[in-house]
N, C-alpha and C. Protein backbone atom coordinates (compact mmCIF):
# COMPACT_ATOMS: atom_id res chain seq x y z
N MET A 1 14.49 31.70 -1.91
CA MET A 1 13.82 30.65 -1.30
C MET A 1 13.36 29.64 -2.19
N SER A 2 13.53 28.39 -1.77
CA SER A 2 13.28 27.28 -2.67
C SER A 2 11.77 26.76 -2.53
N THR A 3 11.25 26.48 -3.61
CA THR A 3 9.83 26.05 -3.62
C THR A 3 9.82 24.57 -4.05
N LEU A 4 8.83 23.80 -3.78
CA LEU A 4 8.77 22.48 -4.14
C LEU A 4 8.69 22.36 -5.71
N TRP A 5 8.11 23.24 -6.36
CA TRP A 5 8.17 23.13 -7.88
C TRP A 5 9.53 23.31 -8.34
N ASN A 6 10.41 24.09 -7.71
CA ASN A 6 11.87 24.13 -8.11
C ASN A 6 12.72 22.92 -7.86
N GLU A 7 12.19 22.08 -6.89
CA GLU A 7 12.86 21.00 -6.50
C GLU A 7 12.28 19.67 -7.25
N HIS A 8 11.31 19.86 -7.99
CA HIS A 8 10.58 18.76 -8.62
C HIS A 8 11.44 17.77 -9.27
N ASP A 9 12.37 18.20 -10.13
CA ASP A 9 13.20 17.38 -10.98
C ASP A 9 14.00 16.35 -10.11
N ALA A 10 14.39 16.82 -8.82
CA ALA A 10 15.20 15.89 -7.93
C ALA A 10 14.28 14.69 -7.58
N SER A 11 12.93 14.70 -7.75
CA SER A 11 12.16 13.64 -7.22
C SER A 11 11.47 12.84 -8.35
N LEU A 12 11.96 13.09 -9.54
CA LEU A 12 11.44 12.34 -10.63
C LEU A 12 11.91 10.89 -10.62
N THR A 13 11.07 9.98 -10.91
CA THR A 13 11.53 8.56 -10.88
C THR A 13 11.83 8.22 -12.38
N PRO A 14 13.05 7.72 -12.61
CA PRO A 14 13.46 7.44 -14.00
C PRO A 14 12.60 6.26 -14.56
N LEU A 15 12.03 6.61 -15.64
CA LEU A 15 11.20 5.63 -16.37
C LEU A 15 11.44 5.76 -17.77
N PRO A 16 11.49 4.49 -18.51
CA PRO A 16 11.71 4.53 -19.93
C PRO A 16 10.60 5.42 -20.76
N ASP A 17 9.39 5.28 -20.36
CA ASP A 17 8.34 6.02 -21.12
C ASP A 17 7.07 6.15 -19.96
N PRO A 18 6.99 7.24 -19.31
CA PRO A 18 5.78 7.33 -18.30
C PRO A 18 4.54 7.17 -18.95
N TYR A 19 4.42 7.37 -20.24
CA TYR A 19 3.10 7.32 -21.00
C TYR A 19 2.76 5.93 -21.23
N ALA A 20 3.67 4.94 -21.12
CA ALA A 20 3.35 3.62 -21.40
C ALA A 20 4.15 2.69 -20.41
N ILE A 21 4.09 2.93 -19.19
CA ILE A 21 4.88 2.22 -18.18
C ILE A 21 4.32 0.74 -18.19
N ARG A 22 5.21 -0.07 -18.01
CA ARG A 22 4.86 -1.53 -17.91
C ARG A 22 4.94 -2.10 -16.55
N PRO A 23 4.13 -3.08 -16.12
CA PRO A 23 4.23 -3.73 -14.80
C PRO A 23 5.64 -3.99 -14.28
N ALA A 24 6.49 -4.55 -15.13
CA ALA A 24 7.88 -4.86 -14.66
C ALA A 24 8.68 -3.55 -14.29
N GLU A 25 8.31 -2.42 -15.02
CA GLU A 25 9.00 -1.15 -14.77
C GLU A 25 8.48 -0.50 -13.48
N VAL A 26 7.16 -0.77 -13.18
CA VAL A 26 6.63 -0.34 -11.87
C VAL A 26 7.27 -1.17 -10.72
N ALA A 27 7.42 -2.39 -10.85
CA ALA A 27 8.07 -3.22 -9.93
C ALA A 27 9.54 -2.82 -9.61
N ALA A 28 10.21 -2.56 -10.71
CA ALA A 28 11.65 -2.10 -10.52
C ALA A 28 11.68 -0.74 -9.95
N ALA A 29 10.82 0.17 -10.28
CA ALA A 29 10.84 1.51 -9.69
C ALA A 29 10.49 1.42 -8.25
N LEU A 30 9.51 0.62 -7.85
CA LEU A 30 9.15 0.53 -6.34
C LEU A 30 10.38 -0.15 -5.55
N ALA A 31 11.06 -1.07 -6.13
CA ALA A 31 12.25 -1.69 -5.34
C ALA A 31 13.31 -0.55 -5.30
N SER A 32 13.58 0.28 -6.25
CA SER A 32 14.49 1.40 -6.18
C SER A 32 14.14 2.29 -5.07
N ILE A 33 12.79 2.66 -5.16
CA ILE A 33 12.30 3.69 -4.13
C ILE A 33 12.33 3.09 -2.82
N ARG A 34 12.06 1.89 -2.63
CA ARG A 34 12.08 1.27 -1.24
C ARG A 34 13.63 1.12 -0.74
N ASP A 35 14.51 0.99 -1.60
CA ASP A 35 15.97 1.00 -1.27
C ASP A 35 16.47 2.36 -0.70
N ILE A 36 15.81 3.39 -0.99
CA ILE A 36 16.15 4.67 -0.39
C ILE A 36 16.25 4.61 1.14
N ARG A 37 15.02 4.16 1.67
CA ARG A 37 14.89 3.99 3.06
C ARG A 37 14.04 2.75 3.25
N PRO A 38 14.65 1.57 3.39
CA PRO A 38 13.86 0.37 3.37
C PRO A 38 12.97 0.20 4.50
N ASP A 39 13.21 0.80 5.66
CA ASP A 39 12.41 0.69 6.88
C ASP A 39 11.22 1.61 6.78
N ALA A 40 11.02 2.46 5.77
CA ALA A 40 10.02 3.46 5.75
C ALA A 40 8.97 3.16 4.75
N LEU A 41 9.17 2.27 3.83
CA LEU A 41 8.14 1.91 2.83
C LEU A 41 8.03 0.41 2.73
N ALA A 42 6.77 -0.06 2.78
CA ALA A 42 6.52 -1.45 2.58
C ALA A 42 5.60 -1.73 1.39
N CYS A 43 5.91 -2.80 0.65
CA CYS A 43 5.03 -3.20 -0.51
C CYS A 43 4.57 -4.53 -0.22
N ARG A 44 3.30 -4.87 -0.41
CA ARG A 44 2.78 -6.18 -0.24
C ARG A 44 1.80 -6.48 -1.31
N LEU A 45 1.85 -7.71 -1.68
CA LEU A 45 0.93 -8.30 -2.73
C LEU A 45 -0.49 -8.47 -2.21
N LEU A 46 -1.47 -7.80 -2.78
CA LEU A 46 -2.89 -7.84 -2.35
C LEU A 46 -3.63 -8.97 -3.07
N GLY A 47 -3.15 -9.19 -4.30
CA GLY A 47 -3.78 -10.23 -5.19
C GLY A 47 -3.37 -10.04 -6.60
N ARG A 48 -4.11 -10.59 -7.57
CA ARG A 48 -3.66 -10.55 -8.97
C ARG A 48 -4.96 -10.16 -9.76
N SER A 49 -4.56 -9.54 -10.77
CA SER A 49 -5.67 -9.08 -11.70
C SER A 49 -6.25 -10.14 -12.48
N ALA A 50 -7.23 -9.97 -13.23
CA ALA A 50 -7.93 -11.03 -14.04
C ALA A 50 -6.85 -11.61 -15.10
N GLU A 51 -5.90 -10.76 -15.35
CA GLU A 51 -4.91 -11.22 -16.35
C GLU A 51 -3.61 -11.67 -15.62
N GLY A 52 -3.66 -11.91 -14.32
CA GLY A 52 -2.63 -12.47 -13.61
C GLY A 52 -1.51 -11.49 -13.16
N ARG A 53 -1.74 -10.22 -13.26
CA ARG A 53 -0.73 -9.21 -12.89
C ARG A 53 -0.91 -8.99 -11.42
N ASP A 54 0.27 -8.62 -10.77
CA ASP A 54 0.28 -8.33 -9.27
C ASP A 54 -0.49 -7.08 -9.01
N ILE A 55 -1.30 -7.04 -7.95
CA ILE A 55 -1.94 -5.86 -7.39
C ILE A 55 -1.16 -5.61 -6.10
N VAL A 56 -0.47 -4.52 -6.05
CA VAL A 56 0.52 -4.20 -4.96
C VAL A 56 0.02 -3.05 -4.14
N LEU A 57 0.06 -3.30 -2.76
CA LEU A 57 -0.26 -2.13 -1.83
C LEU A 57 1.12 -1.57 -1.39
N VAL A 58 1.22 -0.25 -1.55
CA VAL A 58 2.43 0.31 -1.02
C VAL A 58 2.07 1.25 0.19
N GLU A 59 2.76 1.05 1.28
CA GLU A 59 2.47 1.82 2.47
C GLU A 59 3.70 2.60 2.89
N ILE A 60 3.47 3.93 3.17
CA ILE A 60 4.62 4.71 3.70
C ILE A 60 4.09 5.67 4.76
N GLY A 61 4.94 5.86 5.73
CA GLY A 61 4.54 6.84 6.79
C GLY A 61 3.69 6.21 7.86
N VAL A 62 3.56 6.94 8.96
CA VAL A 62 2.75 6.57 10.12
C VAL A 62 1.88 7.74 10.61
N GLY A 63 0.89 7.44 11.30
CA GLY A 63 0.08 8.62 11.84
C GLY A 63 -1.40 8.19 11.78
N PRO A 64 -2.11 9.08 12.44
CA PRO A 64 -3.61 8.91 12.53
C PRO A 64 -4.46 9.06 11.20
N VAL A 65 -3.96 9.74 10.31
CA VAL A 65 -4.67 9.99 9.01
C VAL A 65 -4.14 8.99 7.98
N ARG A 66 -5.09 8.31 7.30
CA ARG A 66 -4.65 7.41 6.27
C ARG A 66 -5.22 8.04 4.98
N THR A 67 -4.38 7.87 3.89
CA THR A 67 -4.83 8.28 2.67
C THR A 67 -4.60 7.26 1.51
N LEU A 68 -5.59 7.14 0.73
CA LEU A 68 -5.45 6.09 -0.31
C LEU A 68 -5.27 6.86 -1.70
N ALA A 69 -4.23 6.45 -2.37
CA ALA A 69 -3.87 7.04 -3.74
C ALA A 69 -3.85 5.89 -4.67
N TRP A 70 -4.74 5.81 -5.56
CA TRP A 70 -4.96 4.73 -6.55
C TRP A 70 -4.65 5.18 -7.95
N SER A 71 -4.00 4.23 -8.63
CA SER A 71 -3.65 4.56 -10.05
C SER A 71 -4.00 3.42 -10.96
N GLN A 72 -4.19 3.77 -12.11
CA GLN A 72 -4.43 2.92 -13.32
C GLN A 72 -5.68 2.04 -13.08
N MET A 73 -6.74 2.64 -12.66
CA MET A 73 -8.03 1.83 -12.70
C MET A 73 -8.28 1.46 -14.13
N HIS A 74 -7.92 2.30 -15.06
CA HIS A 74 -7.97 2.00 -16.48
C HIS A 74 -6.65 1.81 -16.96
N GLY A 75 -6.24 0.71 -17.45
CA GLY A 75 -4.88 0.30 -17.85
C GLY A 75 -4.09 1.25 -18.75
N ASP A 76 -4.87 2.03 -19.48
CA ASP A 76 -4.11 2.96 -20.46
C ASP A 76 -3.88 4.35 -19.90
N GLU A 77 -4.04 4.44 -18.55
CA GLU A 77 -3.73 5.81 -17.97
C GLU A 77 -2.58 5.76 -17.10
N SER A 78 -1.37 5.42 -17.65
CA SER A 78 -0.21 5.16 -16.88
C SER A 78 0.48 6.41 -16.23
N THR A 79 0.10 7.58 -16.73
CA THR A 79 0.82 8.79 -16.24
C THR A 79 0.54 8.96 -14.72
N HIS A 80 -0.69 8.47 -14.28
CA HIS A 80 -0.96 8.60 -12.87
C HIS A 80 -0.01 7.72 -12.05
N THR A 81 0.30 6.64 -12.55
CA THR A 81 1.23 5.70 -11.84
C THR A 81 2.66 6.37 -11.75
N ALA A 82 2.99 7.05 -12.85
CA ALA A 82 4.27 7.69 -12.92
C ALA A 82 4.28 8.88 -11.73
N VAL A 83 3.25 9.58 -11.76
CA VAL A 83 3.14 10.70 -10.75
C VAL A 83 3.25 10.15 -9.28
N LEU A 84 2.49 9.00 -9.00
CA LEU A 84 2.57 8.46 -7.66
C LEU A 84 3.97 7.82 -7.39
N LEU A 85 4.72 7.35 -8.38
CA LEU A 85 6.16 6.92 -8.15
C LEU A 85 6.92 8.13 -7.85
N ASP A 86 6.73 9.25 -8.54
CA ASP A 86 7.45 10.52 -8.17
C ASP A 86 7.21 10.95 -6.78
N LEU A 87 5.92 10.92 -6.30
CA LEU A 87 5.53 11.28 -5.06
C LEU A 87 6.18 10.24 -4.05
N LEU A 88 6.28 9.08 -4.19
CA LEU A 88 6.93 8.11 -3.34
C LEU A 88 8.44 8.43 -3.31
N THR A 89 9.06 8.73 -4.44
CA THR A 89 10.42 9.10 -4.48
C THR A 89 10.70 10.37 -3.60
N PHE A 90 9.87 11.36 -3.78
CA PHE A 90 9.92 12.53 -3.01
C PHE A 90 9.89 12.17 -1.45
N LEU A 91 8.82 11.53 -1.01
CA LEU A 91 8.63 11.24 0.34
C LEU A 91 9.70 10.44 0.96
N GLN A 92 10.25 9.51 0.06
CA GLN A 92 11.41 8.67 0.60
C GLN A 92 12.75 9.39 0.70
N SER A 93 12.94 10.28 -0.21
CA SER A 93 14.27 10.97 -0.26
C SER A 93 14.28 12.20 0.50
N GLN A 94 13.19 12.80 0.70
CA GLN A 94 13.14 14.00 1.56
C GLN A 94 11.99 14.07 2.68
N PRO A 95 12.16 13.06 3.60
CA PRO A 95 11.10 12.82 4.57
C PRO A 95 10.97 14.13 5.53
N ASP A 96 12.03 14.88 5.64
CA ASP A 96 11.91 16.01 6.48
C ASP A 96 11.64 17.36 5.85
N HIS A 97 11.21 17.26 4.59
CA HIS A 97 10.85 18.50 3.82
C HIS A 97 9.53 18.95 4.39
N PRO A 98 9.34 20.22 4.64
CA PRO A 98 8.10 20.70 5.19
C PRO A 98 6.78 20.23 4.46
N THR A 99 6.90 20.03 3.23
CA THR A 99 5.65 19.49 2.48
C THR A 99 5.46 18.07 2.74
N ALA A 100 6.58 17.34 2.89
CA ALA A 100 6.43 15.89 3.31
C ALA A 100 5.86 15.72 4.68
N THR A 101 6.38 16.52 5.57
CA THR A 101 5.88 16.33 6.95
C THR A 101 4.46 16.82 7.21
N ALA A 102 4.02 17.81 6.29
CA ALA A 102 2.66 18.28 6.36
C ALA A 102 1.68 17.19 5.87
């Protein structure tokens, strides 16, 4: 029996360095993830940071329950961003997986 842990590597988002991910790398990763199923994931610009960087809202899925996942409140904590990109890759590439539907 396959577990999600055993399938984890298939959902990794390729990043040059997940410990020091740059805004341009996040944008490129989101574009690649959106390309998996363009109709299922939407990205929109919410605004800009004090340093002029894009603040992007990513929406995926439908249903009565809404969940907010936020990363990099502190700019030096990029591993959370990498994990969220992996989660989006998983949800985009395996939408019928029991964990994804749950």
